[in-house]
Amino acid sequence: PKQTSTPFVCPAGSYQPNYGATSNTSCLLCDAGTYQYDSGQESCYKCSSSSTSGLGAKECQCIGQNRAFQPLDGWCICRPGYEFVNSYYQV
């Protein structure tokens, strides 16, 4: 009988650059400073300059208070009701 295998889908926070992997041992964790919010991907996204992440991250953590990470574009935005102020207290 013909042997078949189903490609394995790596979970969020990891990736598989080689198409057709059949085991979770071929999944690689996203490096620190990168993230992957979706499963079955071939690479990870880089965190923006205003965020950071650890190994195997599903999203980046925004630097500063009252900020929210947007996984689709990788940027941090102010939470509703807040405004960005730089280190010189300028809006």
C-alpha atoms as a PDB file:
ATOM      1  CA  PRO A   1       0.000   0.000   0.000  1.00  0.00           C
ATOM      2  CA  LYS A   2       1.036   3.540  -0.743  1.00  0.00           C
ATOM      3  CA  GLN A   3       2.219   5.444   2.325  1.00  0.00           C
ATOM      4  CA  THR A   4       0.859   8.967   2.736  1.00  0.00           C
ATOM      5  CA  SER A   5       1.681  11.697   5.181  1.00  0.00           C
ATOM      6  CA  THR A   6      -0.143  14.863   6.086  1.00  0.00           C
ATOM      7  CA  PRO A   7       1.898  18.052   6.452  1.00  0.00           C
ATOM      8  CA  PHE A   8       2.110  19.212  10.064  1.00  0.00           C
ATOM      9  CA  VAL A   9       0.948  22.748  10.847  1.00  0.00           C
ATOM     10  CA  CYS A  10       3.240  24.559  13.280  1.00  0.00           C
ATOM     11  CA  PRO A  11       1.436  26.500  16.023  1.00  0.00           C
ATOM     12  CA  ALA A  12       1.474  30.272  16.522  1.00  0.00           C
ATOM     13  CA  GLY A  13       4.788  31.430  17.984  1.00  0.00           C
ATOM     14  CA  SER A  14       6.685  29.102  15.668  1.00  0.00           C
ATOM     15  CA  TYR A  15       7.321  28.586  11.953  1.00  0.00           C
ATOM     16  CA  GLN A  16       8.514  26.021   9.429  1.00  0.00           C
ATOM     17  CA  PRO A  17      10.541  27.311   6.476  1.00  0.00           C
ATOM     18  CA  ASN A  18      10.535  23.943   4.684  1.00  0.00           C
ATOM     19  CA  TYR A  19       7.276  23.068   2.945  1.00  0.00           C
ATOM     20  CA  GLY A  20       5.796  19.657   3.720  1.00  0.00           C
ATOM     21  CA  ALA A  21       7.054  19.063   7.242  1.00  0.00           C
ATOM     22  CA  THR A  22       5.338  16.072   8.837  1.00  0.00           C
ATOM     23  CA  SER A  23       6.340  16.473  12.490  1.00  0.00           C
ATOM     24  CA  ASN A  24       6.259  19.143  15.173  1.00  0.00           C
ATOM     25  CA  THR A  25       9.990  18.555  15.700  1.00  0.00           C
ATOM     26  CA  SER A  26      10.588  20.480  12.467  1.00  0.00           C
ATOM     27  CA  CYS A  27       8.869  23.617  13.861  1.00  0.00           C
ATOM     28  CA  LEU A  28      11.218  26.415  14.893  1.00  0.00           C
ATOM     29  CA  LEU A  29      10.346  28.903  17.631  1.00  0.00           C
ATOM     30  CA  CYS A  30      10.296  32.546  16.613  1.00  0.00           C
ATOM     31  CA  ASP A  31      13.477  34.299  17.762  1.00  0.00           C
ATOM     32  CA  ALA A  32      13.380  36.962  20.467  1.00  0.00           C
ATOM     33  CA  GLY A  33      12.340  40.249  18.847  1.00  0.00           C
ATOM     34  CA  THR A  34       9.999  38.469  16.419  1.00  0.00           C
ATOM     35  CA  TYR A  35       6.489  36.980  16.586  1.00  0.00           C
ATOM     36  CA  GLN A  36       3.989  34.877  14.650  1.00  0.00           C
ATOM     37  CA  TYR A  37       0.288  35.204  15.506  1.00  0.00           C
ATOM     38  CA  ASP A  38      -0.945  32.553  13.062  1.00  0.00           C
ATOM     39  CA  SER A  39      -0.338  28.826  12.703  1.00  0.00           C
ATOM     40  CA  GLY A  40       1.173  27.122   9.660  1.00  0.00           C
ATOM     41  CA  GLN A  41       3.515  29.944   8.664  1.00  0.00           C
ATOM     42  CA  GLU A  42       6.962  29.859   7.046  1.00  0.00           C
ATOM     43  CA  SER A  43       8.489  32.828   8.900  1.00  0.00           C
ATOM     44  CA  CYS A  44       8.071  35.209  11.824  1.00  0.00           C
ATOM     45  CA  TYR A  45       7.511  38.969  11.796  1.00  0.00           C
ATOM     46  CA  LYS A  46       9.926  41.432  13.370  1.00  0.00           C
ATOM     47  CA  CYS A  47       8.641  43.476  16.321  1.00  0.00           C
ATOM     48  CA  SER A  48       8.500  47.230  15.744  1.00  0.00           C
ATOM     49  CA  SER A  49      10.984  49.593  17.394  1.00  0.00           C
ATOM     50  CA  SER A  50       8.429  50.325  20.131  1.00  0.00           C
ATOM     51  CA  SER A  51       7.952  46.675  21.148  1.00  0.00           C
ATOM     52  CA  THR A  52       9.832  43.534  22.104  1.00  0.00           C
ATOM     53  CA  SER A  53       9.254  39.787  22.483  1.00  0.00           C
ATOM     54  CA  GLY A  54      10.809  36.657  23.913  1.00  0.00           C
ATOM     55  CA  LEU A  55      11.480  33.312  22.245  1.00  0.00           C
ATOM     56  CA  GLY A  56       8.376  31.711  20.693  1.00  0.00           C
ATOM     57  CA  ALA A  57       6.183  34.819  20.932  1.00  0.00           C
ATOM     58  CA  LYS A  58       2.671  34.991  19.490  1.00  0.00           C
ATOM     59  CA  GLU A  59       2.770  38.783  19.774  1.00  0.00           C
ATOM     60  CA  CYS A  60       5.122  41.553  20.837  1.00  0.00           C
ATOM     61  CA  GLN A  61       4.884  43.474  24.096  1.00  0.00           C
ATOM     62  CA  CYS A  62       4.646  47.240  23.720  1.00  0.00           C
ATOM     63  CA  ILE A  63       7.188  49.373  25.536  1.00  0.00           C
ATOM     64  CA  GLY A  64       5.462  51.986  27.694  1.00  0.00           C
ATOM     65  CA  GLN A  65       2.107  52.192  29.400  1.00  0.00           C
ATOM     66  CA  ASN A  66      -1.365  52.241  27.844  1.00  0.00           C
ATOM     67  CA  ARG A  67      -0.258  50.880  24.489  1.00  0.00           C
ATOM     68  CA  ALA A  68      -1.776  48.034  22.500  1.00  0.00           C
ATOM     69  CA  PHE A  69       0.007  45.748  20.041  1.00  0.00           C
ATOM     70  CA  GLN A  70      -1.550  45.230  16.600  1.00  0.00           C
ATOM     71  CA  PRO A  71      -0.403  41.868  15.221  1.00  0.00           C
ATOM     72  CA  LEU A  72      -1.482  42.509  11.634  1.00  0.00           C
ATOM     73  CA  ASP A  73       0.944  45.399  11.124  1.00  0.00           C
ATOM     74  CA  GLY A  74       3.265  44.915  14.119  1.00  0.00           C
ATOM     75  CA  TRP A  75       2.827  48.399  15.546  1.00  0.00           C
ATOM     76  CA  CYS A  76       1.888  49.627  18.989  1.00  0.00           C
ATOM     77  CA  ILE A  77      -0.883  52.187  19.255  1.00  0.00           C
ATOM     78  CA  CYS A  78      -2.281  54.139  22.179  1.00  0.00           C
ATOM     79  CA  ARG A  79      -5.229  52.567  23.941  1.00  0.00           C
ATOM     80  CA  PRO A  80      -8.515  54.472  23.613  1.00  0.00           C
ATOM     81  CA  GLY A  81      -8.461  57.637  25.716  1.00  0.00           C
ATOM     82  CA  TYR A  82      -4.649  57.978  25.654  1.00  0.00           C
ATOM     83  CA  GLU A  83      -2.287  60.028  23.515  1.00  0.00           C
ATOM     84  CA  PHE A  84       1.399  59.458  22.739  1.00  0.00           C
ATOM     85  CA  VAL A  85       3.803  61.751  24.598  1.00  0.00           C
ATOM     86  CA  ASN A  86       7.557  61.569  23.949  1.00  0.00           C
ATOM     87  CA  SER A  87      10.320  61.837  26.573  1.00  0.00           C
ATOM     88  CA  TYR A  88      10.168  65.653  26.317  1.00  0.00           C
ATOM     89  CA  TYR A  89       6.448  65.540  27.200  1.00  0.00           C
ATOM     90  CA  GLN A  90       5.513  66.635  23.694  1.00  0.00           C
ATOM     91  CA  VAL A  91       2.375  65.255  22.065  1.00  0.00           C
END
